[in-house]
Amino acid sequence: MPVPPYDERTVTALVTAATAAPSLHNAQPWHFCWRSATRVLELRADLGRAMPRTDPDHRALHLGCGAALFNLRVAAAHQGLDTRTRLLPAPSEPYLLATVRIGGAGPPDREVSALYPAVERRHTSRHPFADQPIPADVQEGLRAAAAREGAQLLFPGVWHLESLLDHVRDAEGRDTLEPDRLADMQRWTHRDPRAGDGIPEHAFGPRVRSGRAPVRDFAGRRNVRGRPTADFETAPNLALLGTGHDRPADWLRAGQALERVLLLATLNGLATALTSHALEERDLRELARDPASGMGFVHMVLRLGYGTPGTASPRRPVTEVLDLL
């Protein structure tokens, strides 16, 4: 089989797909460096986009970068390119998160390649979903997708769901009592519509009039002109994604698993949303897990359902996030 080319256009396409990944408040905390001599693409953390109040240990930063890494793998497989990924390859450089050697000896991953159409279609939805359960076979497929990346996806039972919703309400109450907790969110919202990052007003979605879906209101007390209210689902479909350990490599695996689940859910006709609100304080994060499940650490709560697809949030130009050497 002939070896595909590794020109700048190919690498730019891969990174463009990578940067379609979700990240906390759409901060896009990644930077890529292509080393053409060795056909290695480096993924580094952009600490200028870290969130010291919300994410002091950079766990969410690793999750976002892991999601971008998975999108890159999907795009490479779609182009017929095999990849070899190493997580945290240099202990002396903790923010060199991964290296990806493009074009190994093996064939591309067909199962991963099949997810490519969802890369551009997947957007976080902050709209109501139908009060409709997710079929068991779809749930099983999503669990299997997480497992392939070394993570676990759990659909909580009734008591656990009620507990999670309580934790979200607790987090919202803490925001009210401690306004400084919102500093990171405020930095990345209400931004200039010409900005290539953050969450613009058009992506806030409607204000919740009724329902129990854990939808974070990025508008806060600000009155956004023309923003409607809506009734959200009373029985939200939530899923928890986690790993057995809680180290940077686990966070990167969880980020890849998260994106794999989101892309597969999109192909299955599901709208998707993420909520980390109840995981941003250590005590609430510890309470989010189900002791009977065997899941050691919860990294993300997913809201899934049938409803309005998400609205695209802005992305920075690839020239800002990619160095070609």
C-alpha atoms as a PDB file:
ATOM      1  CA  MET A   1       0.000   0.000   0.000  1.00  0.00           C
ATOM      2  CA  PRO A   2       1.494   3.407  -0.930  1.00  0.00           C
ATOM      3  CA  VAL A   3       2.361   5.735   1.951  1.00  0.00           C
ATOM      4  CA  PRO A   4       0.099   8.815   2.002  1.00  0.00           C
ATOM      5  CA  PRO A   5       1.788  12.216   1.865  1.00  0.00           C
ATOM      6  CA  TYR A   6       2.596  14.158   5.007  1.00  0.00           C
ATOM      7  CA  ASP A   7       2.487  17.687   3.663  1.00  0.00           C
ATOM      8  CA  GLU A   8       1.404  20.800   5.559  1.00  0.00           C
ATOM      9  CA  ARG A   9      -2.096  20.538   4.130  1.00  0.00           C
ATOM     10  CA  THR A  10      -2.532  17.053   5.585  1.00  0.00           C
ATOM     11  CA  VAL A  11      -1.253  18.066   9.006  1.00  0.00           C
ATOM     12  CA  THR A  12      -3.403  21.200   9.017  1.00  0.00           C
ATOM     13  CA  ALA A  13      -6.492  19.094   8.257  1.00  0.00           C
ATOM     14  CA  LEU A  14      -5.704  16.774  11.158  1.00  0.00           C
ATOM     15  CA  VAL A  15      -5.287  19.634  13.607  1.00  0.00           C
ATOM     16  CA  THR A  16      -8.425  21.352  12.320  1.00  0.00           C
ATOM     17  CA  ALA A  17     -10.389  18.238  13.240  1.00  0.00           C
ATOM     18  CA  ALA A  18      -8.615  18.012  16.595  1.00  0.00           C
ATOM     19  CA  THR A  19      -9.624  21.537  17.554  1.00  0.00           C
ATOM     20  CA  ALA A  20     -13.322  20.774  17.023  1.00  0.00           C
ATOM     21  CA  ALA A  21     -13.183  18.993  20.405  1.00  0.00           C
ATOM     22  CA  PRO A  22     -15.014  20.296  23.471  1.00  0.00           C
ATOM     23  CA  SER A  23     -13.138  21.933  26.338  1.00  0.00           C
ATOM     24  CA  LEU A  24     -14.138  23.597  29.586  1.00  0.00           C
ATOM     25  CA  HIS A  25     -15.799  26.924  28.698  1.00  0.00           C
ATOM     26  CA  ASN A  26     -14.417  26.439  25.165  1.00  0.00           C
ATOM     27  CA  ALA A  27     -11.015  27.712  26.285  1.00  0.00           C
ATOM     28  CA  GLN A  28      -9.255  25.382  23.789  1.00  0.00           C
ATOM     29  CA  PRO A  29      -6.171  24.771  25.990  1.00  0.00           C
ATOM     30  CA  TRP A  30      -4.044  22.982  23.388  1.00  0.00           C
ATOM     31  CA  HIS A  31      -1.087  23.638  21.131  1.00  0.00           C
ATOM     32  CA  PHE A  32       0.346  21.379  18.423  1.00  0.00           C
ATOM     33  CA  CYS A  33       3.799  21.140  16.913  1.00  0.00           C
ATOM     34  CA  TRP A  34       4.506  19.133  13.737  1.00  0.00           C
ATOM     35  CA  ARG A  35       8.045  17.803  13.393  1.00  0.00           C
ATOM     36  CA  SER A  36       8.212  16.800   9.761  1.00  0.00           C
ATOM     37  CA  ALA A  37      11.596  15.080   9.981  1.00  0.00           C
ATOM     38  CA  THR A  38      10.214  12.418  12.304  1.00  0.00           C
ATOM     39  CA  ARG A  39       6.500  12.628  11.258  1.00  0.00           C
ATOM     40  CA  VAL A  40       5.587  13.305  14.888  1.00  0.00           C
ATOM     41  CA  LEU A  41       2.835  15.659  16.011  1.00  0.00           C
ATOM     42  CA  GLU A  42       3.245  16.934  19.572  1.00  0.00           C
ATOM     43  CA  LEU A  43       0.303  17.951  21.731  1.00  0.00           C
ATOM     44  CA  ARG A  44       1.118  20.430  24.488  1.00  0.00           C
ATOM     45  CA  ALA A  45      -0.986  22.151  27.115  1.00  0.00           C
ATOM     46  CA  ASP A  46      -1.476  25.891  26.685  1.00  0.00           C
ATOM     47  CA  LEU A  47      -1.284  27.044  30.302  1.00  0.00           C
ATOM     48  CA  GLY A  48      -2.301  30.558  29.306  1.00  0.00           C
ATOM     49  CA  ARG A  49      -5.779  29.058  28.913  1.00  0.00           C
ATOM     50  CA  ALA A  50      -5.845  27.263  32.262  1.00  0.00           C
ATOM     51  CA  MET A  51      -8.468  28.063  34.915  1.00  0.00           C
ATOM     52  CA  PRO A  52      -6.865  28.463  38.349  1.00  0.00           C
ATOM     53  CA  ARG A  53     -10.128  28.698  40.300  1.00  0.00           C
ATOM     54  CA  THR A  54     -12.202  26.090  38.508  1.00  0.00           C
ATOM     55  CA  ASP A  55      -9.451  23.669  37.519  1.00  0.00           C
ATOM     56  CA  PRO A  56      -6.433  24.141  39.826  1.00  0.00           C
ATOM     57  CA  ASP A  57      -4.905  20.720  39.108  1.00  0.00           C
ATOM     58  CA  HIS A  58      -5.492  21.049  35.326  1.00  0.00           C
ATOM     59  CA  ARG A  59      -7.660  17.926  35.231  1.00  0.00           C
ATOM     60  CA  ALA A  60     -10.234  19.553  32.939  1.00  0.00           C
ATOM     61  CA  LEU A  61      -7.421  20.906  30.774  1.00  0.00           C
ATOM     62  CA  HIS A  62      -6.177  17.337  30.257  1.00  0.00           C
ATOM     63  CA  LEU A  63      -9.712  16.168  29.464  1.00  0.00           C
ATOM     64  CA  GLY A  64     -10.083  18.780  26.732  1.00  0.00           C
ATOM     65  CA  CYS A  65      -6.683  17.986  25.273  1.00  0.00           C
ATOM     66  CA  GLY A  66      -7.504  14.271  25.382  1.00  0.00           C
ATOM     67  CA  ALA A  67     -10.704  14.942  23.419  1.00  0.00           C
ATOM     68  CA  ALA A  68      -8.676  16.876  20.832  1.00  0.00           C
ATOM     69  CA  LEU A  69      -6.209  13.989  20.648  1.00  0.00           C
ATOM     70  CA  PHE A  70      -9.017  11.557  19.870  1.00  0.00           C
ATOM     71  CA  ASN A  71     -10.386  13.797  17.114  1.00  0.00           C
ATOM     72  CA  LEU A  72      -6.914  13.869  15.596  1.00  0.00           C
ATOM     73  CA  ARG A  73      -6.831  10.062  15.615  1.00  0.00           C
ATOM     74  CA  VAL A  74     -10.250   9.977  13.937  1.00  0.00           C
ATOM     75  CA  ALA A  75      -9.170  12.387  11.209  1.00  0.00           C
ATOM     76  CA  ALA A  76      -5.946  10.458  10.588  1.00  0.00           C
ATOM     77  CA  ALA A  77      -7.806   7.171  10.264  1.00  0.00           C
ATOM     78  CA  HIS A  78     -10.274   8.832   7.891  1.00  0.00           C
ATOM     79  CA  GLN A  79      -7.358   9.822   5.657  1.00  0.00           C
ATOM     80  CA  GLY A  80      -6.031   6.274   5.697  1.00  0.00           C
ATOM     81  CA  LEU A  81      -3.213   7.060   8.123  1.00  0.00           C
ATOM     82  CA  ASP A  82      -2.128   4.809  10.941  1.00  0.00           C
ATOM     83  CA  THR A  83      -1.083   6.544  14.173  1.00  0.00           C
ATOM     84  CA  ARG A  84       1.056   5.602  17.158  1.00  0.00           C
ATOM     85  CA  THR A  85       0.248   7.624  20.279  1.00  0.00           C
ATOM     86  CA  ARG A  86       2.331   8.022  23.440  1.00  0.00           C
ATOM     87  CA  LEU A  87       0.852   9.792  26.448  1.00  0.00           C
ATOM     88  CA  LEU A  88       3.149  11.934  28.593  1.00  0.00           C
ATOM     89  CA  PRO A  89       6.268  10.732  26.755  1.00  0.00           C
ATOM     90  CA  ALA A  90       8.772  12.947  28.606  1.00  0.00           C
ATOM     91  CA  PRO A  91       8.631  12.933  32.442  1.00  0.00           C
ATOM     92  CA  SER A  92      10.722  16.113  32.510  1.00  0.00           C
ATOM     93  CA  GLU A  93       8.070  17.892  30.388  1.00  0.00           C
ATOM     94  CA  PRO A  94       4.722  17.283  32.129  1.00  0.00           C
ATOM     95  CA  TYR A  95       2.846  19.561  29.750  1.00  0.00           C
ATOM     96  CA  LEU A  96       4.004  17.689  26.669  1.00  0.00           C
ATOM     97  CA  LEU A  97       0.810  15.684  26.877  1.00  0.00           C
ATOM     98  CA  ALA A  98       1.204  13.337  23.912  1.00  0.00           C
ATOM     99  CA  THR A  99       3.117  12.584  20.761  1.00  0.00           C
ATOM    100  CA  VAL A 100       1.450  11.068  17.717  1.00  0.00           C
ATOM    101  CA  ARG A 101       3.582   9.432  15.047  1.00  0.00           C
ATOM    102  CA  ILE A 102       1.703   9.642  11.781  1.00  0.00           C
ATOM    103  CA  GLY A 103       1.930   6.741   9.369  1.00  0.00           C
ATOM    104  CA  GLY A 104       3.073   3.615  11.123  1.00  0.00           C
ATOM    105  CA  ALA A 105       3.278   0.142   9.675  1.00  0.00           C
ATOM    106  CA  GLY A 106      -0.283  -0.916  10.439  1.00  0.00           C
ATOM    107  CA  PRO A 107      -3.591  -0.151   8.716  1.00  0.00           C
ATOM    108  CA  PRO A 108      -5.813   2.690   9.966  1.00  0.00           C
ATOM    109  CA  ASP A 109      -8.452   1.925  12.591  1.00  0.00           C
ATOM    110  CA  ARG A 110     -11.694   1.487  10.598  1.00  0.00           C
ATOM    111  CA  GLU A 111     -13.924   1.695  13.667  1.00  0.00           C
ATOM    112  CA  VAL A 112     -12.371   5.023  14.620  1.00  0.00           C
ATOM    113  CA  SER A 113     -12.512   6.270  11.025  1.00  0.00           C
ATOM    114  CA  ALA A 114     -16.270   5.640  10.933  1.00  0.00           C
ATOM    115  CA  LEU A 115     -16.745   8.363  13.553  1.00  0.00           C
ATOM    116  CA  TYR A 116     -15.347  11.082  11.294  1.00  0.00           C
ATOM    117  CA  PRO A 117     -18.712  12.465  10.019  1.00  0.00           C
ATOM    118  CA  ALA A 118     -19.611  13.349  13.614  1.00  0.00           C
ATOM    119  CA  VAL A 119     -16.520  15.498  14.223  1.00  0.00           C
ATOM    120  CA  GLU A 120     -18.086  18.566  12.604  1.00  0.00           C
ATOM    121  CA  ARG A 121     -21.641  17.687  13.639  1.00  0.00           C
ATOM    122  CA  ARG A 122     -20.986  17.325  17.374  1.00  0.00           C
ATOM    123  CA  HIS A 123     -21.816  20.477  19.311  1.00  0.00           C
ATOM    124  CA  THR A 124     -22.791  20.963  22.936  1.00  0.00           C
ATOM    125  CA  SER A 125     -26.553  21.500  23.177  1.00  0.00           C
ATOM    126  CA  ARG A 126     -27.960  23.737  25.908  1.00  0.00           C
ATOM    127  CA  HIS A 127     -31.520  23.184  24.710  1.00  0.00           C
ATOM    128  CA  PRO A 128     -34.306  20.961  26.085  1.00  0.00           C
ATOM    129  CA  PHE A 129     -34.327  17.257  25.273  1.00  0.00           C
ATOM    130  CA  ALA A 130     -37.354  14.985  25.090  1.00  0.00           C
ATOM    131  CA  ASP A 131     -38.403  13.045  28.177  1.00  0.00           C
ATOM    132  CA  GLN A 132     -37.530   9.855  26.347  1.00  0.00           C
ATOM    133  CA  PRO A 133     -35.199   7.094  27.538  1.00  0.00           C
ATOM    134  CA  ILE A 134     -32.140   6.067  25.545  1.00  0.00           C
ATOM    135  CA  PRO A 135     -32.530   2.517  24.163  1.00  0.00           C
ATOM    136  CA  ALA A 136     -30.544  -0.183  25.931  1.00  0.00           C
ATOM    137  CA  ASP A 137     -28.566  -1.107  22.821  1.00  0.00           C
ATOM    138  CA  VAL A 138     -27.465   2.498  22.329  1.00  0.00           C
ATOM    139  CA  GLN A 139     -26.409   2.706  25.974  1.00  0.00           C
ATOM    140  CA  GLU A 140     -24.400  -0.485  25.588  1.00  0.00           C
ATOM    141  CA  GLY A 141     -22.657   0.862  22.486  1.00  0.00           C
ATOM    142  CA  LEU A 142     -21.680   4.031  24.340  1.00  0.00           C
ATOM    143  CA  ARG A 143     -20.363   2.022  27.292  1.00  0.00           C
ATOM    144  CA  ALA A 144     -18.280  -0.093  24.917  1.00  0.00           C
ATOM    145  CA  ALA A 145     -16.894   3.059  23.258  1.00  0.00           C
ATOM    146  CA  ALA A 146     -15.654   4.380  26.613  1.00  0.00           C
ATOM    147  CA  ALA A 147     -14.158   1.014  27.510  1.00  0.00           C
ATOM    148  CA  ARG A 148     -12.116   0.940  24.288  1.00  0.00           C
ATOM    149  CA  GLU A 149     -10.303   4.037  25.519  1.00  0.00           C
ATOM    150  CA  GLY A 150      -9.690   2.694  29.012  1.00  0.00           C
ATOM    151  CA  ALA A 151     -12.585   4.438  30.751  1.00  0.00           C
ATOM    152  CA  GLN A 152     -15.986   3.527  32.170  1.00  0.00           C
ATOM    153  CA  LEU A 153     -19.380   4.985  31.286  1.00  0.00           C
ATOM    154  CA  LEU A 154     -22.165   4.534  33.817  1.00  0.00           C
ATOM    155  CA  PHE A 155     -25.863   5.318  33.458  1.00  0.00           C
ATOM    156  CA  PRO A 156     -26.958   5.956  37.054  1.00  0.00           C
ATOM    157  CA  GLY A 157     -29.987   4.419  38.666  1.00  0.00           C
ATOM    158  CA  VAL A 158     -32.788   6.437  40.235  1.00  0.00           C
ATOM    159  CA  TRP A 159     -31.205   7.116  43.620  1.00  0.00           C
ATOM    160  CA  HIS A 160     -27.852   7.986  42.080  1.00  0.00           C
ATOM    161  CA  LEU A 161     -29.501  10.333  39.567  1.00  0.00           C
ATOM    162  CA  GLU A 162     -31.272  12.147  42.407  1.00  0.00           C
ATOM    163  CA  SER A 163     -27.976  12.442  44.247  1.00  0.00           C
ATOM    164  CA  LEU A 164     -26.247  13.924  41.196  1.00  0.00           C
ATOM    165  CA  LEU A 165     -28.989  16.509  40.744  1.00  0.00           C
ATOM    166  CA  ASP A 166     -28.611  17.433  44.416  1.00  0.00           C
ATOM    167  CA  HIS A 167     -24.873  17.948  43.896  1.00  0.00           C
ATOM    168  CA  VAL A 168     -25.571  20.285  40.989  1.00  0.00           C
ATOM    169  CA  ARG A 169     -27.941  22.339  43.114  1.00  0.00           C
ATOM    170  CA  ASP A 170     -25.277  22.414  45.847  1.00  0.00           C
ATOM    171  CA  ALA A 171     -22.720  23.733  43.345  1.00  0.00           C
ATOM    172  CA  GLU A 172     -25.162  26.412  42.165  1.00  0.00           C
ATOM    173  CA  GLY A 173     -25.742  27.470  45.776  1.00  0.00           C
ATOM    174  CA  ARG A 174     -22.005  27.782  46.388  1.00  0.00           C
ATOM    175  CA  ASP A 175     -21.727  30.001  43.315  1.00  0.00           C
ATOM    176  CA  THR A 176     -24.303  32.328  44.840  1.00  0.00           C
ATOM    177  CA  LEU A 177     -22.511  32.498  48.185  1.00  0.00           C
ATOM    178  CA  GLU A 178     -18.998  32.722  46.732  1.00  0.00           C
ATOM    179  CA  PRO A 179     -19.102  34.906  43.604  1.00  0.00           C
ATOM    180  CA  ASP A 180     -15.331  34.584  43.101  1.00  0.00           C
ATOM    181  CA  ARG A 181     -15.970  30.969  42.084  1.00  0.00           C
ATOM    182  CA  LEU A 182     -17.392  32.349  38.861  1.00  0.00           C
ATOM    183  CA  ALA A 183     -14.270  34.270  37.816  1.00  0.00           C
ATOM    184  CA  ASP A 184     -13.108  31.640  35.327  1.00  0.00           C
ATOM    185  CA  MET A 185     -16.537  31.274  33.764  1.00  0.00           C
ATOM    186  CA  GLN A 186     -16.939  35.019  33.418  1.00  0.00           C
ATOM    187  CA  ARG A 187     -13.564  35.234  31.707  1.00  0.00           C
ATOM    188  CA  TRP A 188     -14.714  32.880  28.957  1.00  0.00           C
ATOM    189  CA  THR A 189     -18.302  34.079  28.440  1.00  0.00           C
ATOM    190  CA  HIS A 190     -19.946  37.287  27.212  1.00  0.00           C
ATOM    191  CA  ARG A 191     -17.069  37.588  24.782  1.00  0.00           C
ATOM    192  CA  ASP A 192     -16.670  39.638  21.646  1.00  0.00           C
ATOM    193  CA  PRO A 193     -18.572  37.718  18.922  1.00  0.00           C
ATOM    194  CA  ARG A 194     -15.447  38.004  16.778  1.00  0.00           C
ATOM    195  CA  ALA A 195     -13.407  36.038  19.330  1.00  0.00           C
ATOM    196  CA  GLY A 196     -12.295  32.551  18.344  1.00  0.00           C
ATOM    197  CA  ASP A 197     -12.869  30.991  21.751  1.00  0.00           C
ATOM    198  CA  GLY A 198     -15.118  31.097  24.788  1.00  0.00           C
ATOM    199  CA  ILE A 199     -18.916  30.810  24.861  1.00  0.00           C
ATOM    200  CA  PRO A 200     -20.757  33.565  22.971  1.00  0.00           C
ATOM    201  CA  GLU A 201     -24.277  34.596  23.868  1.00  0.00           C
ATOM    202  CA  HIS A 202     -25.834  32.790  20.916  1.00  0.00           C
ATOM    203  CA  ALA A 203     -24.629  29.479  22.375  1.00  0.00           C
ATOM    204  CA  PHE A 204     -26.152  29.967  25.848  1.00  0.00           C
ATOM    205  CA  GLY A 205     -29.442  28.306  24.940  1.00  0.00           C
ATOM    206  CA  PRO A 206     -32.762  29.247  26.569  1.00  0.00           C
ATOM    207  CA  ARG A 207     -33.189  29.997  30.248  1.00  0.00           C
ATOM    208  CA  VAL A 208     -34.753  27.131  32.207  1.00  0.00           C
ATOM    209  CA  ARG A 209     -38.410  27.751  33.030  1.00  0.00           C
ATOM    210  CA  SER A 210     -39.086  24.291  34.415  1.00  0.00           C
ATOM    211  CA  GLY A 211     -37.554  20.844  34.476  1.00  0.00           C
ATOM    212  CA  ARG A 212     -34.647  19.125  36.230  1.00  0.00           C
ATOM    213  CA  ALA A 213     -31.936  19.002  33.588  1.00  0.00           C
ATOM    214  CA  PRO A 214     -28.556  20.166  34.939  1.00  0.00           C
ATOM    215  CA  VAL A 215     -28.033  23.054  32.517  1.00  0.00           C
ATOM    216  CA  ARG A 216     -25.510  25.679  33.576  1.00  0.00           C
ATOM    217  CA  ASP A 217     -26.728  29.222  32.948  1.00  0.00           C
ATOM    218  CA  PHE A 218     -23.752  31.025  31.445  1.00  0.00           C
ATOM    219  CA  ALA A 219     -25.703  34.295  31.321  1.00  0.00           C
ATOM    220  CA  GLY A 220     -25.861  34.479  35.113  1.00  0.00           C
ATOM    221  CA  ARG A 221     -27.871  37.493  36.149  1.00  0.00           C
ATOM    222  CA  ARG A 222     -27.241  39.244  32.875  1.00  0.00           C
ATOM    223  CA  ASN A 223     -30.293  39.884  30.722  1.00  0.00           C
ATOM    224  CA  VAL A 224     -29.542  38.664  27.201  1.00  0.00           C
ATOM    225  CA  ARG A 225     -31.853  40.405  24.757  1.00  0.00           C
ATOM    226  CA  GLY A 226     -34.159  38.047  22.913  1.00  0.00           C
ATOM    227  CA  ARG A 227     -33.172  35.003  24.948  1.00  0.00           C
ATOM    228  CA  PRO A 228     -36.229  32.757  25.435  1.00  0.00           C
ATOM    229  CA  THR A 229     -37.204  30.496  28.315  1.00  0.00           C
ATOM    230  CA  ALA A 230     -38.065  26.835  27.869  1.00  0.00           C
ATOM    231  CA  ASP A 231     -39.273  23.736  29.682  1.00  0.00           C
ATOM    232  CA  PHE A 232     -36.503  21.166  30.048  1.00  0.00           C
ATOM    233  CA  GLU A 233     -36.805  17.456  30.691  1.00  0.00           C
ATOM    234  CA  THR A 234     -38.007  16.242  34.078  1.00  0.00           C
ATOM    235  CA  ALA A 235     -36.194  12.895  33.827  1.00  0.00           C
ATOM    236  CA  PRO A 236     -32.827  13.756  32.266  1.00  0.00           C
ATOM    237  CA  ASN A 237     -30.645  11.019  30.793  1.00  0.00           C
ATOM    238  CA  LEU A 238     -27.307  11.426  32.538  1.00  0.00           C
ATOM    239  CA  ALA A 239     -24.164   9.348  32.266  1.00  0.00           C
ATOM    240  CA  LEU A 240     -20.949   9.463  34.266  1.00  0.00           C
ATOM    241  CA  LEU A 241     -17.560   8.948  32.684  1.00  0.00           C
ATOM    242  CA  GLY A 242     -14.663   7.937  34.896  1.00  0.00           C
ATOM    243  CA  THR A 243     -11.507   5.916  35.382  1.00  0.00           C
ATOM    244  CA  GLY A 244      -9.990   3.702  38.046  1.00  0.00           C
ATOM    245  CA  HIS A 245      -7.201   6.142  38.882  1.00  0.00           C
ATOM    246  CA  ASP A 246      -6.839   9.900  39.006  1.00  0.00           C
ATOM    247  CA  ARG A 247      -3.535  10.775  37.373  1.00  0.00           C
ATOM    248  CA  PRO A 248      -2.745  12.977  34.342  1.00  0.00           C
ATOM    249  CA  ALA A 249      -2.516   9.937  32.051  1.00  0.00           C
ATOM    250  CA  ASP A 250      -5.964   8.839  33.273  1.00  0.00           C
ATOM    251  CA  TRP A 251      -7.347  12.290  32.519  1.00  0.00           C
ATOM    252  CA  LEU A 252      -6.009  12.099  28.970  1.00  0.00           C
ATOM    253  CA  ARG A 253      -7.534   8.648  28.503  1.00  0.00           C
ATOM    254  CA  ALA A 254     -10.817   9.923  29.910  1.00  0.00           C
ATOM    255  CA  GLY A 255     -10.766  12.842  27.461  1.00  0.00           C
ATOM    256  CA  GLN A 256     -10.302  10.463  24.541  1.00  0.00           C
ATOM    257  CA  ALA A 257     -13.077   8.239  25.852  1.00  0.00           C
ATOM    258  CA  LEU A 258     -15.333  11.243  26.322  1.00  0.00           C
ATOM    259  CA  GLU A 259     -14.954  12.339  22.715  1.00  0.00           C
ATOM    260  CA  ARG A 260     -15.386   8.791  21.423  1.00  0.00           C
ATOM    261  CA  VAL A 261     -18.678   8.545  23.324  1.00  0.00           C
ATOM    262  CA  LEU A 262     -19.843  11.966  22.127  1.00  0.00           C
ATOM    263  CA  LEU A 263     -19.099  11.213  18.476  1.00  0.00           C
ATOM    264  CA  LEU A 264     -20.847   7.846  18.617  1.00  0.00           C
ATOM    265  CA  ALA A 265     -23.824   9.418  20.395  1.00  0.00           C
ATOM    266  CA  THR A 266     -24.021  12.031  17.620  1.00  0.00           C
ATOM    267  CA  LEU A 267     -24.045   9.332  14.948  1.00  0.00           C
ATOM    268  CA  ASN A 268     -26.866   7.645  16.883  1.00  0.00           C
ATOM    269  CA  GLY A 269     -28.995  10.775  16.592  1.00  0.00           C
ATOM    270  CA  LEU A 270     -28.484  11.991  20.146  1.00  0.00           C
ATOM    271  CA  ALA A 271     -27.959  15.574  21.210  1.00  0.00           C
ATOM    272  CA  THR A 272     -25.197  15.879  23.794  1.00  0.00           C
ATOM    273  CA  ALA A 273     -24.176  18.215  26.571  1.00  0.00           C
ATOM    274  CA  LEU A 274     -21.524  18.198  29.266  1.00  0.00           C
ATOM    275  CA  THR A 275     -21.694  19.358  32.845  1.00  0.00           C
ATOM    276  CA  SER A 276     -18.749  19.501  35.199  1.00  0.00           C
ATOM    277  CA  HIS A 277     -20.405  21.857  37.654  1.00  0.00           C
ATOM    278  CA  ALA A 278     -20.753  19.271  40.420  1.00  0.00           C
ATOM    279  CA  LEU A 279     -17.189  18.031  39.862  1.00  0.00           C
ATOM    280  CA  GLU A 280     -15.342  21.317  40.287  1.00  0.00           C
ATOM    281  CA  GLU A 281     -15.160  21.035  44.083  1.00  0.00           C
ATOM    282  CA  ARG A 282     -13.279  18.061  45.506  1.00  0.00           C
ATOM    283  CA  ASP A 283     -15.911  17.120  48.092  1.00  0.00           C
ATOM    284  CA  LEU A 284     -18.749  17.111  45.553  1.00  0.00           C
ATOM    285  CA  ARG A 285     -16.657  15.221  43.038  1.00  0.00           C
ATOM    286  CA  GLU A 286     -16.038  12.453  45.560  1.00  0.00           C
ATOM    287  CA  LEU A 287     -19.763  12.226  46.271  1.00  0.00           C
ATOM    288  CA  ALA A 288     -20.638  11.972  42.567  1.00  0.00           C
ATOM    289  CA  ARG A 289     -19.456   8.383  42.222  1.00  0.00           C
ATOM    290  CA  ASP A 290     -21.553   5.327  42.972  1.00  0.00           C
ATOM    291  CA  PRO A 291     -19.569   3.167  45.430  1.00  0.00           C
ATOM    292  CA  ALA A 292     -21.242   0.044  44.039  1.00  0.00           C
ATOM    293  CA  SER A 293     -20.134   0.714  40.474  1.00  0.00           C
ATOM    294  CA  GLY A 294     -16.404   0.188  40.814  1.00  0.00           C
ATOM    295  CA  MET A 295     -15.733   3.549  39.143  1.00  0.00           C
ATOM    296  CA  GLY A 296     -12.879   5.104  41.042  1.00  0.00           C
ATOM    297  CA  PHE A 297     -13.063   8.726  39.893  1.00  0.00           C
ATOM    298  CA  VAL A 298     -15.727  10.633  37.964  1.00  0.00           C
ATOM    299  CA  HIS A 299     -14.385  13.083  35.366  1.00  0.00           C
ATOM    300  CA  MET A 300     -17.505  14.223  33.527  1.00  0.00           C
ATOM    301  CA  VAL A 301     -21.290  14.107  33.655  1.00  0.00           C
ATOM    302  CA  LEU A 302     -22.909  13.780  30.234  1.00  0.00           C
ATOM    303  CA  ARG A 303     -26.467  14.809  29.439  1.00  0.00           C
ATOM    304  CA  LEU A 304     -27.834  12.905  26.451  1.00  0.00           C
ATOM    305  CA  GLY A 305     -31.163  12.901  24.693  1.00  0.00           C
ATOM    306  CA  TYR A 306     -33.279  13.518  21.665  1.00  0.00           C
ATOM    307  CA  GLY A 307     -33.707  17.189  20.913  1.00  0.00           C
ATOM    308  CA  THR A 308     -32.269  20.292  19.335  1.00  0.00           C
ATOM    309  CA  PRO A 309     -28.658  19.834  18.222  1.00  0.00           C
ATOM    310  CA  GLY A 310     -26.085  22.129  19.724  1.00  0.00           C
ATOM    311  CA  THR A 311     -24.894  25.431  18.320  1.00  0.00           C
ATOM    312  CA  ALA A 312     -21.333  25.682  17.070  1.00  0.00           C
ATOM    313  CA  SER A 313     -19.003  27.642  19.324  1.00  0.00           C
ATOM    314  CA  PRO A 314     -16.126  29.593  17.775  1.00  0.00           C
ATOM    315  CA  ARG A 315     -12.731  28.067  17.077  1.00  0.00           C
ATOM    316  CA  ARG A 316      -9.357  29.743  16.849  1.00  0.00           C
ATOM    317  CA  PRO A 317      -7.584  29.685  13.481  1.00  0.00           C
ATOM    318  CA  VAL A 318      -5.319  26.675  13.104  1.00  0.00           C
ATOM    319  CA  THR A 319      -2.402  29.038  12.546  1.00  0.00           C
ATOM    320  CA  GLU A 320      -2.697  30.025  16.225  1.00  0.00           C
ATOM    321  CA  VAL A 321      -2.478  26.472  17.552  1.00  0.00           C
ATOM    322  CA  LEU A 322      -0.068  24.745  15.150  1.00  0.00           C
ATOM    323  CA  ASP A 323       3.662  25.165  14.621  1.00  0.00           C
ATOM    324  CA  LEU A 324       5.180  23.535  11.547  1.00  0.00           C
ATOM    325  CA  LEU A 325       8.854  22.646  11.978  1.00  0.00           C
END
